[in-house]
Amino acid sequence: MRFYDNLYVGDKAAGKINKILKAIKDKKIVYDVYLITTADNPLDNLDIYQANTFIQKHFENKDLLVIGVAKGKGESRELLAKIIKDCYDETGDYKLRDFFISKM
């Protein structure tokens, strides 16, 4: 798992972002934290995962790019909408996965 350099962070997560990121990297349980990542399936754009999902062994070798961190499902959806808008405003299309991978 890699983190986007200009990580999108929801307002509720912003105050604890360093603590949240450390817990995720250390594979510790975090409460109500969601990650917006490049999709595991290359035909899709982005996925939203509950952060604790990445504790599972299945995800150890997945090369996903974390684009956003949010506290709560609602905030994750709001953050995703912002990400989509920003991508469209900059590129004129919705190829989110390609957009973020090209920036790494």
N, C-alpha and C. Protein backbone atom coordinates (compact mmCIF):
# COMPACT_ATOMS: atom_id res chain seq x y z
N MET A 1 0.84 -1.17 0.00
CA MET A 1 0.00 0.00 0.00
C MET A 1 0.90 1.24 0.00
N ARG A 2 0.56 2.15 -0.90
CA ARG A 2 1.27 3.42 -0.98
C ARG A 2 0.27 4.55 -0.74
N PHE A 3 0.78 5.69 -0.33
CA PHE A 3 -0.08 6.84 -0.07
C PHE A 3 0.22 7.95 -1.06
N TYR A 4 -0.83 8.51 -1.63
CA TYR A 4 -0.73 9.62 -2.57
C TYR A 4 -0.06 10.80 -1.87
N ASP A 5 0.86 11.46 -2.57
CA ASP A 5 1.60 12.58 -1.97
C ASP A 5 0.70 13.70 -1.47
N ASN A 6 -0.33 14.02 -2.23
CA ASN A 6 -1.28 15.06 -1.85
C ASN A 6 -2.58 14.42 -1.36
N LEU A 7 -2.44 13.60 -0.34
CA LEU A 7 -3.54 12.80 0.21
C LEU A 7 -4.76 13.67 0.50
N TYR A 8 -5.92 13.21 0.05
CA TYR A 8 -7.18 13.86 0.40
C TYR A 8 -7.56 13.39 1.79
N VAL A 9 -7.90 14.33 2.67
CA VAL A 9 -8.26 13.99 4.05
C VAL A 9 -9.56 14.70 4.39
N GLY A 10 -10.52 13.92 4.87
CA GLY A 10 -11.80 14.50 5.28
C GLY A 10 -11.64 15.36 6.52
N ASP A 11 -12.58 16.27 6.72
CA ASP A 11 -12.53 17.19 7.86
C ASP A 11 -12.50 16.46 9.19
N LYS A 12 -13.30 15.41 9.33
CA LYS A 12 -13.35 14.67 10.60
C LYS A 12 -12.06 13.89 10.86
N ALA A 13 -11.38 13.49 9.81
CA ALA A 13 -10.13 12.73 9.96
C ALA A 13 -8.92 13.64 10.11
N ALA A 14 -9.04 14.87 9.68
CA ALA A 14 -7.89 15.78 9.61
C ALA A 14 -7.18 15.97 10.95
N GLY A 15 -7.92 16.10 12.02
CA GLY A 15 -7.31 16.35 13.33
C GLY A 15 -6.48 15.19 13.86
N LYS A 16 -6.74 13.99 13.35
CA LYS A 16 -6.05 12.80 13.84
C LYS A 16 -5.31 12.07 12.71
N ILE A 17 -5.02 12.77 11.62
CA ILE A 17 -4.50 12.07 10.44
C ILE A 17 -3.17 11.37 10.71
N ASN A 18 -2.26 11.99 11.44
CA ASN A 18 -0.97 11.34 11.70
C ASN A 18 -1.15 10.06 12.52
N LYS A 19 -2.02 10.12 13.51
CA LYS A 19 -2.31 8.95 14.34
C LYS A 19 -2.99 7.85 13.50
N ILE A 20 -3.92 8.25 12.65
CA ILE A 20 -4.62 7.30 11.79
C ILE A 20 -3.64 6.62 10.84
N LEU A 21 -2.79 7.40 10.17
CA LEU A 21 -1.84 6.83 9.21
C LEU A 21 -0.86 5.89 9.89
N LYS A 22 -0.40 6.25 11.08
CA LYS A 22 0.53 5.38 11.81
C LYS A 22 -0.15 4.06 12.15
N ALA A 23 -1.39 4.13 12.63
CA ALA A 23 -2.13 2.91 12.98
C ALA A 23 -2.32 2.02 11.74
N ILE A 24 -2.65 2.62 10.62
CA ILE A 24 -2.84 1.84 9.39
C ILE A 24 -1.54 1.17 8.97
N LYS A 25 -0.46 1.93 8.99
CA LYS A 25 0.84 1.38 8.59
C LYS A 25 1.30 0.28 9.55
N ASP A 26 0.94 0.41 10.84
CA ASP A 26 1.30 -0.59 11.84
C ASP A 26 0.30 -1.74 11.92
N LYS A 27 -0.71 -1.70 11.03
CA LYS A 27 -1.77 -2.74 10.98
C LYS A 27 -2.52 -2.87 12.29
N LYS A 28 -2.84 -1.73 12.88
CA LYS A 28 -3.64 -1.69 14.11
C LYS A 28 -5.08 -1.36 13.73
N ILE A 29 -5.98 -1.76 14.59
CA ILE A 29 -7.40 -1.52 14.35
C ILE A 29 -7.71 -0.04 14.56
N VAL A 30 -8.44 0.53 13.61
CA VAL A 30 -8.91 1.91 13.72
C VAL A 30 -10.43 1.90 13.59
N TYR A 31 -11.08 2.80 14.28
CA TYR A 31 -12.54 2.82 14.32
C TYR A 31 -13.10 3.79 13.29
N ASP A 32 -13.97 3.29 12.44
CA ASP A 32 -14.76 4.10 11.52
C ASP A 32 -13.91 4.93 10.55
N VAL A 33 -12.78 4.37 10.11
CA VAL A 33 -11.91 5.06 9.15
C VAL A 33 -12.03 4.35 7.81
N TYR A 34 -12.17 5.14 6.76
CA TYR A 34 -12.32 4.60 5.40
C TYR A 34 -11.21 5.14 4.51
N LEU A 35 -10.73 4.28 3.62
CA LEU A 35 -9.68 4.65 2.69
C LEU A 35 -10.22 4.60 1.27
N ILE A 36 -9.92 5.62 0.51
CA ILE A 36 -10.26 5.65 -0.91
C ILE A 36 -8.98 5.30 -1.65
N THR A 37 -9.03 4.23 -2.44
CA THR A 37 -7.83 3.72 -3.11
C THR A 37 -8.08 3.54 -4.60
N THR A 38 -6.99 3.37 -5.34
CA THR A 38 -7.14 2.92 -6.71
C THR A 38 -7.79 1.54 -6.63
N ALA A 39 -8.59 1.22 -7.60
CA ALA A 39 -9.33 -0.04 -7.58
C ALA A 39 -8.39 -1.23 -7.77
N ASP A 40 -8.70 -2.31 -7.09
CA ASP A 40 -7.95 -3.56 -7.23
C ASP A 40 -8.15 -4.13 -8.64
N ASN A 41 -9.34 -3.95 -9.18
CA ASN A 41 -9.68 -4.39 -10.53
C ASN A 41 -9.31 -3.27 -11.50
N PRO A 42 -8.40 -3.50 -12.44
CA PRO A 42 -7.97 -2.44 -13.35
C PRO A 42 -9.08 -1.87 -14.25
N LEU A 43 -10.21 -2.54 -14.33
CA LEU A 43 -11.33 -2.03 -15.12
C LEU A 43 -12.13 -0.98 -14.37
N ASP A 44 -11.94 -0.91 -13.06
CA ASP A 44 -12.64 0.06 -12.22
C ASP A 44 -11.72 1.24 -11.93
N ASN A 45 -12.27 2.27 -11.33
CA ASN A 45 -11.49 3.46 -11.02
C ASN A 45 -10.98 3.46 -9.58
N LEU A 46 -11.90 3.65 -8.64
CA LEU A 46 -11.53 3.75 -7.24
C LEU A 46 -12.42 2.84 -6.40
N ASP A 47 -11.92 2.50 -5.22
CA ASP A 47 -12.67 1.72 -4.25
C ASP A 47 -12.66 2.44 -2.91
N ILE A 48 -13.69 2.19 -2.10
CA ILE A 48 -13.71 2.66 -0.72
C ILE A 48 -13.66 1.43 0.16
N TYR A 49 -12.68 1.39 1.06
CA TYR A 49 -12.51 0.27 1.98
C TYR A 49 -12.57 0.77 3.42
N GLN A 50 -13.14 -0.04 4.30
CA GLN A 50 -12.98 0.21 5.72
C GLN A 50 -11.52 -0.09 6.00
N ALA A 51 -10.83 0.79 6.69
CA ALA A 51 -9.37 0.70 6.85
C ALA A 51 -8.91 -0.63 7.46
N ASN A 52 -9.70 -1.21 8.34
CA ASN A 52 -9.30 -2.47 8.99
C ASN A 52 -9.22 -3.63 8.00
N THR A 53 -9.80 -3.46 6.84
CA THR A 53 -9.73 -4.49 5.80
C THR A 53 -8.28 -4.81 5.46
N PHE A 54 -7.41 -3.81 5.54
CA PHE A 54 -6.01 -3.99 5.14
C PHE A 54 -5.17 -4.74 6.16
N ILE A 55 -5.76 -5.11 7.27
CA ILE A 55 -5.07 -5.96 8.24
C ILE A 55 -5.02 -7.40 7.73
N GLN A 56 -5.97 -7.77 6.88
CA GLN A 56 -6.06 -9.13 6.36
C GLN A 56 -4.85 -9.47 5.48
N LYS A 57 -4.41 -10.72 5.58
CA LYS A 57 -3.26 -11.19 4.79
C LYS A 57 -3.49 -11.03 3.29
N HIS A 58 -4.73 -11.17 2.86
CA HIS A 58 -5.07 -11.05 1.44
C HIS A 58 -4.55 -9.75 0.83
N PHE A 59 -4.46 -8.70 1.63
CA PHE A 59 -4.07 -7.39 1.12
C PHE A 59 -2.58 -7.08 1.29
N GLU A 60 -1.81 -8.00 1.87
CA GLU A 60 -0.40 -7.73 2.12
C GLU A 60 0.38 -7.37 0.87
N ASN A 61 0.13 -8.03 -0.23
CA ASN A 61 0.91 -7.81 -1.44
C ASN A 61 0.18 -7.00 -2.51
N LYS A 62 -0.94 -6.42 -2.14
CA LYS A 62 -1.69 -5.59 -3.09
C LYS A 62 -1.00 -4.23 -3.21
N ASP A 63 -0.81 -3.79 -4.43
CA ASP A 63 -0.17 -2.49 -4.66
C ASP A 63 -1.25 -1.45 -4.93
N LEU A 64 -1.95 -1.06 -3.87
CA LEU A 64 -3.01 -0.07 -4.01
C LEU A 64 -2.48 1.29 -3.58
N LEU A 65 -2.96 2.31 -4.25
CA LEU A 65 -2.59 3.68 -3.92
C LEU A 65 -3.72 4.30 -3.12
N VAL A 66 -3.44 4.69 -1.88
CA VAL A 66 -4.44 5.35 -1.04
C VAL A 66 -4.47 6.82 -1.44
N ILE A 67 -5.65 7.27 -1.85
CA ILE A 67 -5.83 8.63 -2.33
C ILE A 67 -6.50 9.49 -1.28
N GLY A 68 -7.35 8.88 -0.45
CA GLY A 68 -8.07 9.65 0.55
C GLY A 68 -8.31 8.88 1.82
N VAL A 69 -8.45 9.64 2.92
CA VAL A 69 -8.74 9.07 4.24
C VAL A 69 -9.91 9.85 4.82
N ALA A 70 -10.92 9.12 5.29
CA ALA A 70 -12.11 9.76 5.83
C ALA A 70 -12.54 9.08 7.11
N LYS A 71 -13.27 9.82 7.93
CA LYS A 71 -13.83 9.28 9.17
C LYS A 71 -15.32 9.12 8.94
N GLY A 72 -15.77 7.89 8.80
CA GLY A 72 -17.18 7.61 8.59
C GLY A 72 -17.52 7.42 7.12
N LYS A 73 -18.59 6.63 6.89
CA LYS A 73 -19.03 6.35 5.52
C LYS A 73 -19.46 7.61 4.78
N GLY A 74 -20.21 8.45 5.49
CA GLY A 74 -20.69 9.67 4.86
C GLY A 74 -19.56 10.56 4.38
N GLU A 75 -18.56 10.74 5.24
CA GLU A 75 -17.43 11.57 4.86
C GLU A 75 -16.65 10.94 3.71
N SER A 76 -16.57 9.61 3.67
CA SER A 76 -15.84 8.96 2.57
C SER A 76 -16.54 9.23 1.24
N ARG A 77 -17.86 9.26 1.25
CA ARG A 77 -18.60 9.54 0.02
C ARG A 77 -18.43 11.01 -0.40
N GLU A 78 -18.44 11.91 0.58
CA GLU A 78 -18.22 13.33 0.28
C GLU A 78 -16.82 13.55 -0.29
N LEU A 79 -15.84 12.88 0.30
CA LEU A 79 -14.46 13.00 -0.16
C LEU A 79 -14.31 12.43 -1.57
N LEU A 80 -14.98 11.32 -1.83
CA LEU A 80 -14.95 10.73 -3.18
C LEU A 80 -15.54 11.71 -4.20
N ALA A 81 -16.63 12.37 -3.84
CA ALA A 81 -17.23 13.36 -4.74
C ALA A 81 -16.24 14.49 -5.04
N LYS A 82 -15.52 14.93 -4.03
CA LYS A 82 -14.51 15.98 -4.22
C LYS A 82 -13.39 15.50 -5.14
N ILE A 83 -12.95 14.27 -4.94
CA ILE A 83 -11.89 13.70 -5.77
C ILE A 83 -12.34 13.63 -7.23
N ILE A 84 -13.56 13.17 -7.45
CA ILE A 84 -14.10 13.08 -8.81
C ILE A 84 -14.17 14.46 -9.45
N LYS A 85 -14.67 15.44 -8.70
CA LYS A 85 -14.77 16.81 -9.23
C LYS A 85 -13.39 17.37 -9.56
N ASP A 86 -12.43 17.20 -8.66
CA ASP A 86 -11.08 17.71 -8.91
C ASP A 86 -10.46 17.08 -10.16
N CYS A 87 -10.64 15.79 -10.31
CA CYS A 87 -10.11 15.09 -11.49
C CYS A 87 -10.76 15.62 -12.76
N TYR A 88 -12.07 15.76 -12.73
CA TYR A 88 -12.78 16.26 -13.92
C TYR A 88 -12.37 17.69 -14.25
N ASP A 89 -12.26 18.53 -13.21
CA ASP A 89 -11.87 19.92 -13.43
C ASP A 89 -10.48 20.02 -14.07
N GLU A 90 -9.59 19.12 -13.69
CA GLU A 90 -8.22 19.18 -14.21
C GLU A 90 -8.06 18.51 -15.57
N THR A 91 -8.82 17.44 -15.82
CA THR A 91 -8.59 16.66 -17.04
C THR A 91 -9.74 16.68 -18.04
N GLY A 92 -10.93 16.99 -17.57
CA GLY A 92 -12.09 16.96 -18.45
C GLY A 92 -12.68 15.58 -18.63
N ASP A 93 -12.20 14.60 -17.88
CA ASP A 93 -12.79 13.25 -17.93
C ASP A 93 -12.77 12.61 -16.54
N TYR A 94 -13.26 11.39 -16.50
CA TYR A 94 -13.40 10.69 -15.22
C TYR A 94 -12.49 9.47 -15.12
N LYS A 95 -11.35 9.50 -15.75
CA LYS A 95 -10.40 8.38 -15.67
C LYS A 95 -9.56 8.54 -14.40
N LEU A 96 -10.22 8.33 -13.27
CA LEU A 96 -9.62 8.60 -11.97
C LEU A 96 -8.37 7.76 -11.71
N ARG A 97 -8.48 6.48 -11.97
CA ARG A 97 -7.36 5.58 -11.71
C ARG A 97 -6.12 6.03 -12.49
N ASP A 98 -6.29 6.26 -13.78
CA ASP A 98 -5.17 6.70 -14.62
C ASP A 98 -4.62 8.04 -14.17
N PHE A 99 -5.51 8.94 -13.79
CA PHE A 99 -5.12 10.27 -13.34
C PHE A 99 -4.18 10.20 -12.14
N PHE A 100 -4.54 9.40 -11.14
CA PHE A 100 -3.72 9.34 -9.92
C PHE A 100 -2.46 8.51 -10.11
N ILE A 101 -2.55 7.45 -10.86
CA ILE A 101 -1.35 6.64 -11.10
C ILE A 101 -0.31 7.45 -11.89
N SER A 102 -0.77 8.28 -12.81
CA SER A 102 0.17 9.09 -13.60
C SER A 102 0.87 10.14 -12.74
N LYS A 103 0.28 10.48 -11.61
CA LYS A 103 0.88 11.50 -10.74
C LYS A 103 1.89 10.91 -9.76
N MET A 104 2.05 9.62 -9.78
CA MET A 104 3.00 8.99 -8.83
C MET A 104 4.35 8.79 -9.46
